[in-house]
Amino acid sequence: MSFINRVKNADNKRFILTSRTHIINRGLFLSQVFQDGNLQRNEYEVKLENLSLITKARILYSHIFHSALPKEFIDKIYVKKKYLSIVHHDNYNPRLISYITDVFK
């Protein structure tokens, strides 16, 4: 909380925490220090629910481009435009794309 308060009191700083809501809520539940800090007052949640197909494709392409995936695997994604089935999938999720394309996890 001391770090968060230092950032909060600085005019030229912002504290951005990227996490899933249930993780933050669990931390608040377990920590009296965070409960007393009244963090929810300054909390904003960004939801990515309606990504366009082009945005999904760009996210997929970026993760593939920056990955260490074998070329043979990448080539198979482009055969017969298989990437389209990925970006059209109902359960498309950028976090899942990141997980799948990071071979070091």
N, C-alpha and C. Protein backbone atom coordinates (compact mmCIF):
# COMPACT_ATOMS: atom_id res chain seq x y z
N MET A 1 0.83 -1.19 0.00
CA MET A 1 0.00 0.00 0.00
C MET A 1 0.87 1.25 0.00
N SER A 2 2.04 1.19 0.63
CA SER A 2 2.88 2.39 0.66
C SER A 2 3.32 2.77 -0.76
N PHE A 3 3.65 1.78 -1.58
CA PHE A 3 4.03 2.07 -2.96
C PHE A 3 2.85 2.65 -3.74
N ILE A 4 1.69 2.03 -3.59
CA ILE A 4 0.50 2.51 -4.28
C ILE A 4 0.19 3.94 -3.86
N ASN A 5 0.31 4.23 -2.59
CA ASN A 5 0.05 5.59 -2.11
C ASN A 5 1.07 6.61 -2.64
N ARG A 6 2.33 6.20 -2.75
CA ARG A 6 3.34 7.11 -3.33
C ARG A 6 3.00 7.44 -4.76
N VAL A 7 2.59 6.45 -5.52
CA VAL A 7 2.22 6.68 -6.91
C VAL A 7 0.97 7.54 -6.98
N LYS A 8 0.01 7.25 -6.14
CA LYS A 8 -1.25 8.00 -6.13
C LYS A 8 -1.01 9.47 -5.82
N ASN A 9 -0.05 9.76 -4.97
CA ASN A 9 0.22 11.16 -4.58
C ASN A 9 1.15 11.89 -5.53
N ALA A 10 1.70 11.20 -6.52
CA ALA A 10 2.59 11.84 -7.49
C ALA A 10 1.76 12.31 -8.69
N ASP A 11 1.96 13.56 -9.07
CA ASP A 11 1.19 14.13 -10.19
C ASP A 11 1.57 13.54 -11.54
N ASN A 12 2.79 13.05 -11.66
CA ASN A 12 3.28 12.57 -12.95
C ASN A 12 3.35 11.05 -13.05
N LYS A 13 2.63 10.34 -12.17
CA LYS A 13 2.70 8.88 -12.15
C LYS A 13 1.29 8.29 -12.15
N ARG A 14 1.19 7.08 -12.73
CA ARG A 14 -0.04 6.30 -12.69
C ARG A 14 0.33 4.86 -12.40
N PHE A 15 -0.46 4.20 -11.58
CA PHE A 15 -0.24 2.80 -11.26
C PHE A 15 -1.27 1.99 -12.04
N ILE A 16 -0.78 1.14 -12.93
CA ILE A 16 -1.66 0.30 -13.73
C ILE A 16 -1.34 -1.15 -13.41
N LEU A 17 -2.33 -1.84 -12.92
CA LEU A 17 -2.18 -3.24 -12.58
C LEU A 17 -3.06 -4.04 -13.53
N THR A 18 -2.44 -4.90 -14.29
CA THR A 18 -3.22 -5.74 -15.19
C THR A 18 -3.36 -7.11 -14.55
N SER A 19 -4.58 -7.44 -14.24
CA SER A 19 -4.85 -8.70 -13.58
C SER A 19 -6.31 -9.06 -13.81
N ARG A 20 -6.61 -10.28 -13.56
CA ARG A 20 -8.00 -10.69 -13.62
C ARG A 20 -8.73 -10.22 -12.37
N THR A 21 -9.98 -9.87 -12.53
CA THR A 21 -10.77 -9.32 -11.44
C THR A 21 -10.83 -10.26 -10.24
N HIS A 22 -10.99 -11.56 -10.49
CA HIS A 22 -11.11 -12.48 -9.36
C HIS A 22 -9.82 -12.57 -8.55
N ILE A 23 -8.68 -12.33 -9.18
CA ILE A 23 -7.40 -12.35 -8.46
C ILE A 23 -7.31 -11.12 -7.55
N ILE A 24 -7.68 -9.98 -8.07
CA ILE A 24 -7.67 -8.75 -7.25
C ILE A 24 -8.66 -8.88 -6.10
N ASN A 25 -9.84 -9.38 -6.38
CA ASN A 25 -10.84 -9.53 -5.33
C ASN A 25 -10.38 -10.50 -4.24
N ARG A 26 -9.67 -11.54 -4.63
CA ARG A 26 -9.14 -12.49 -3.65
C ARG A 26 -8.10 -11.81 -2.75
N GLY A 27 -7.24 -10.99 -3.36
CA GLY A 27 -6.26 -10.24 -2.59
C GLY A 27 -6.92 -9.29 -1.61
N LEU A 28 -7.98 -8.63 -2.05
CA LEU A 28 -8.71 -7.73 -1.16
C LEU A 28 -9.35 -8.50 -0.01
N PHE A 29 -9.86 -9.68 -0.31
CA PHE A 29 -10.49 -10.51 0.71
C PHE A 29 -9.48 -10.97 1.76
N LEU A 30 -8.26 -11.28 1.32
CA LEU A 30 -7.25 -11.84 2.21
C LEU A 30 -6.42 -10.79 2.95
N SER A 31 -6.42 -9.55 2.48
CA SER A 31 -5.53 -8.56 3.05
C SER A 31 -6.29 -7.37 3.64
N GLN A 32 -6.22 -7.24 4.92
CA GLN A 32 -6.84 -6.11 5.60
C GLN A 32 -6.19 -4.80 5.17
N VAL A 33 -4.90 -4.84 4.87
CA VAL A 33 -4.18 -3.63 4.44
C VAL A 33 -4.81 -3.08 3.16
N PHE A 34 -5.08 -3.96 2.21
CA PHE A 34 -5.70 -3.52 0.96
C PHE A 34 -7.15 -3.09 1.17
N GLN A 35 -7.85 -3.76 2.05
CA GLN A 35 -9.22 -3.36 2.36
C GLN A 35 -9.25 -1.95 2.94
N ASP A 36 -8.33 -1.68 3.86
CA ASP A 36 -8.26 -0.36 4.49
C ASP A 36 -7.82 0.72 3.51
N GLY A 37 -7.10 0.33 2.45
CA GLY A 37 -6.62 1.29 1.47
C GLY A 37 -7.69 1.80 0.53
N ASN A 38 -8.87 1.18 0.56
CA ASN A 38 -10.00 1.63 -0.25
C ASN A 38 -9.62 1.74 -1.73
N LEU A 39 -9.00 0.69 -2.24
CA LEU A 39 -8.53 0.69 -3.62
C LEU A 39 -9.67 0.77 -4.64
N GLN A 40 -10.81 0.25 -4.31
CA GLN A 40 -11.92 0.21 -5.26
C GLN A 40 -12.36 1.61 -5.70
N ARG A 41 -12.08 2.59 -4.88
CA ARG A 41 -12.48 3.96 -5.20
C ARG A 41 -11.81 4.44 -6.49
N ASN A 42 -10.60 3.97 -6.75
CA ASN A 42 -9.85 4.40 -7.93
C ASN A 42 -9.65 3.26 -8.94
N GLU A 43 -10.51 2.29 -8.89
CA GLU A 43 -10.35 1.11 -9.75
C GLU A 43 -11.18 1.27 -11.02
N TYR A 44 -10.55 0.89 -12.12
CA TYR A 44 -11.25 0.86 -13.40
C TYR A 44 -11.03 -0.50 -14.02
N GLU A 45 -12.06 -1.01 -14.62
CA GLU A 45 -11.97 -2.32 -15.26
C GLU A 45 -12.18 -2.16 -16.75
N VAL A 46 -11.29 -2.75 -17.51
CA VAL A 46 -11.40 -2.72 -18.96
C VAL A 46 -11.77 -4.12 -19.42
N LYS A 47 -12.85 -4.21 -20.16
CA LYS A 47 -13.30 -5.51 -20.66
C LYS A 47 -13.16 -5.53 -22.17
N LEU A 48 -12.59 -6.61 -22.67
CA LEU A 48 -12.47 -6.81 -24.10
C LEU A 48 -13.49 -7.86 -24.51
N GLU A 49 -14.68 -7.41 -24.84
CA GLU A 49 -15.73 -8.37 -25.15
C GLU A 49 -16.06 -8.44 -26.64
N ASN A 50 -15.97 -7.36 -27.33
CA ASN A 50 -16.41 -7.33 -28.71
C ASN A 50 -15.29 -6.93 -29.64
N LEU A 51 -14.26 -7.74 -29.68
CA LEU A 51 -13.15 -7.46 -30.58
C LEU A 51 -13.58 -7.73 -32.02
N SER A 52 -13.18 -6.87 -32.92
CA SER A 52 -13.48 -7.10 -34.33
C SER A 52 -12.61 -8.25 -34.84
N LEU A 53 -13.02 -8.85 -35.94
CA LEU A 53 -12.24 -9.95 -36.52
C LEU A 53 -10.84 -9.48 -36.91
N ILE A 54 -10.72 -8.27 -37.43
CA ILE A 54 -9.41 -7.76 -37.83
C ILE A 54 -8.52 -7.56 -36.61
N THR A 55 -9.09 -7.12 -35.50
CA THR A 55 -8.31 -6.97 -34.26
C THR A 55 -7.87 -8.33 -33.75
N LYS A 56 -8.77 -9.30 -33.77
CA LYS A 56 -8.40 -10.65 -33.35
C LYS A 56 -7.27 -11.19 -34.23
N ALA A 57 -7.39 -10.97 -35.53
CA ALA A 57 -6.36 -11.45 -36.46
C ALA A 57 -5.03 -10.76 -36.20
N ARG A 58 -5.05 -9.48 -35.92
CA ARG A 58 -3.81 -8.74 -35.63
C ARG A 58 -3.16 -9.25 -34.34
N ILE A 59 -3.97 -9.53 -33.34
CA ILE A 59 -3.45 -10.08 -32.08
C ILE A 59 -2.81 -11.43 -32.34
N LEU A 60 -3.51 -12.29 -33.07
CA LEU A 60 -2.98 -13.60 -33.39
C LEU A 60 -1.67 -13.49 -34.17
N TYR A 61 -1.67 -12.64 -35.20
CA TYR A 61 -0.47 -12.47 -36.03
C TYR A 61 0.71 -11.96 -35.18
N SER A 62 0.46 -11.00 -34.33
CA SER A 62 1.53 -10.43 -33.50
C SER A 62 2.13 -11.48 -32.58
N HIS A 63 1.27 -12.28 -31.96
CA HIS A 63 1.78 -13.33 -31.07
C HIS A 63 2.57 -14.39 -31.84
N ILE A 64 2.07 -14.74 -33.02
CA ILE A 64 2.79 -15.72 -33.84
C ILE A 64 4.13 -15.15 -34.29
N PHE A 65 4.11 -13.90 -34.76
CA PHE A 65 5.33 -13.26 -35.27
C PHE A 65 6.41 -13.18 -34.20
N HIS A 66 6.02 -12.87 -32.96
CA HIS A 66 6.99 -12.67 -31.88
C HIS A 66 7.27 -13.97 -31.10
N SER A 67 6.67 -15.06 -31.54
CA SER A 67 6.86 -16.31 -30.82
C SER A 67 8.11 -17.04 -31.30
N ALA A 68 8.45 -18.06 -30.58
CA ALA A 68 9.55 -18.94 -30.98
C ALA A 68 9.00 -20.27 -31.50
N LEU A 69 7.78 -20.23 -32.00
CA LEU A 69 7.17 -21.44 -32.53
C LEU A 69 7.95 -21.93 -33.75
N PRO A 70 8.04 -23.22 -33.93
CA PRO A 70 8.73 -23.75 -35.11
C PRO A 70 8.03 -23.31 -36.40
N LYS A 71 8.83 -23.04 -37.42
CA LYS A 71 8.29 -22.57 -38.70
C LYS A 71 7.26 -23.54 -39.26
N GLU A 72 7.49 -24.83 -39.09
CA GLU A 72 6.56 -25.84 -39.61
C GLU A 72 5.18 -25.68 -38.97
N PHE A 73 5.16 -25.37 -37.69
CA PHE A 73 3.89 -25.18 -36.99
C PHE A 73 3.19 -23.93 -37.50
N ILE A 74 3.94 -22.85 -37.63
CA ILE A 74 3.37 -21.59 -38.12
C ILE A 74 2.82 -21.77 -39.53
N ASP A 75 3.57 -22.44 -40.37
CA ASP A 75 3.12 -22.66 -41.75
C ASP A 75 1.78 -23.37 -41.79
N LYS A 76 1.54 -24.30 -40.89
CA LYS A 76 0.28 -25.05 -40.88
C LYS A 76 -0.91 -24.17 -40.53
N ILE A 77 -0.67 -23.12 -39.77
CA ILE A 77 -1.76 -22.19 -39.42
C ILE A 77 -2.26 -21.45 -40.67
N TYR A 78 -1.35 -21.22 -41.62
CA TYR A 78 -1.71 -20.47 -42.82
C TYR A 78 -2.24 -21.34 -43.95
N VAL A 79 -2.01 -22.65 -43.89
CA VAL A 79 -2.51 -23.56 -44.92
C VAL A 79 -4.04 -23.54 -44.88
N LYS A 80 -4.64 -23.33 -46.02
CA LYS A 80 -6.11 -23.27 -46.17
C LYS A 80 -6.73 -22.27 -45.18
N LYS A 81 -5.97 -21.26 -44.83
CA LYS A 81 -6.45 -20.17 -43.96
C LYS A 81 -7.02 -20.68 -42.63
N LYS A 82 -6.31 -21.61 -42.00
CA LYS A 82 -6.77 -22.16 -40.73
C LYS A 82 -6.87 -21.10 -39.64
N TYR A 83 -6.11 -20.02 -39.80
CA TYR A 83 -6.18 -18.93 -38.82
C TYR A 83 -7.59 -18.35 -38.72
N LEU A 84 -8.37 -18.47 -39.79
CA LEU A 84 -9.74 -17.96 -39.76
C LEU A 84 -10.60 -18.70 -38.74
N SER A 85 -10.37 -20.01 -38.62
CA SER A 85 -11.14 -20.76 -37.63
C SER A 85 -10.77 -20.33 -36.21
N ILE A 86 -9.55 -19.85 -36.03
CA ILE A 86 -9.12 -19.37 -34.71
C ILE A 86 -9.81 -18.05 -34.40
N VAL A 87 -9.74 -17.08 -35.31
CA VAL A 87 -10.30 -15.75 -35.02
C VAL A 87 -11.83 -15.76 -35.00
N HIS A 88 -12.45 -16.74 -35.66
CA HIS A 88 -13.92 -16.85 -35.64
C HIS A 88 -14.44 -17.67 -34.46
N HIS A 89 -13.55 -18.32 -33.74
CA HIS A 89 -13.98 -19.21 -32.66
C HIS A 89 -14.68 -18.42 -31.55
N ASP A 90 -15.78 -18.98 -31.04
CA ASP A 90 -16.55 -18.32 -29.98
C ASP A 90 -15.74 -18.08 -28.71
N ASN A 91 -14.77 -18.93 -28.45
CA ASN A 91 -13.97 -18.81 -27.23
C ASN A 91 -12.61 -18.15 -27.47
N TYR A 92 -12.48 -17.39 -28.55
CA TYR A 92 -11.23 -16.68 -28.82
C TYR A 92 -10.89 -15.80 -27.62
N ASN A 93 -9.64 -15.86 -27.19
CA ASN A 93 -9.23 -15.10 -26.02
C ASN A 93 -7.76 -14.73 -26.20
N PRO A 94 -7.42 -13.43 -26.17
CA PRO A 94 -6.01 -13.01 -26.33
C PRO A 94 -5.07 -13.66 -25.31
N ARG A 95 -5.54 -13.87 -24.09
CA ARG A 95 -4.70 -14.50 -23.07
C ARG A 95 -4.38 -15.94 -23.46
N LEU A 96 -5.35 -16.63 -24.03
CA LEU A 96 -5.14 -18.00 -24.48
C LEU A 96 -4.18 -18.03 -25.68
N ILE A 97 -4.32 -17.08 -26.58
CA ILE A 97 -3.41 -16.98 -27.72
C ILE A 97 -1.98 -16.78 -27.22
N SER A 98 -1.83 -15.92 -26.25
CA SER A 98 -0.51 -15.67 -25.66
C SER A 98 0.06 -16.94 -25.04
N TYR A 99 -0.77 -17.65 -24.31
CA TYR A 99 -0.32 -18.88 -23.66
C TYR A 99 0.11 -19.93 -24.69
N ILE A 100 -0.67 -20.09 -25.72
CA ILE A 100 -0.40 -21.12 -26.72
C ILE A 100 0.85 -20.79 -27.54
N THR A 101 1.08 -19.53 -27.83
CA THR A 101 2.21 -19.16 -28.68
C THR A 101 3.51 -18.98 -27.92
N ASP A 102 3.47 -19.00 -26.61
CA ASP A 102 4.69 -18.89 -25.82
C ASP A 102 5.19 -20.28 -25.47
N VAL A 103 6.13 -20.78 -26.24
CA VAL A 103 6.61 -22.16 -26.06
C VAL A 103 7.44 -22.33 -24.79
N PHE A 104 7.78 -21.24 -24.12
CA PHE A 104 8.64 -21.33 -22.92
C PHE A 104 7.84 -21.38 -21.63
N LYS A 105 6.52 -21.36 -21.70
CA LYS A 105 5.71 -21.40 -20.48
C LYS A 105 5.62 -22.80 -19.97
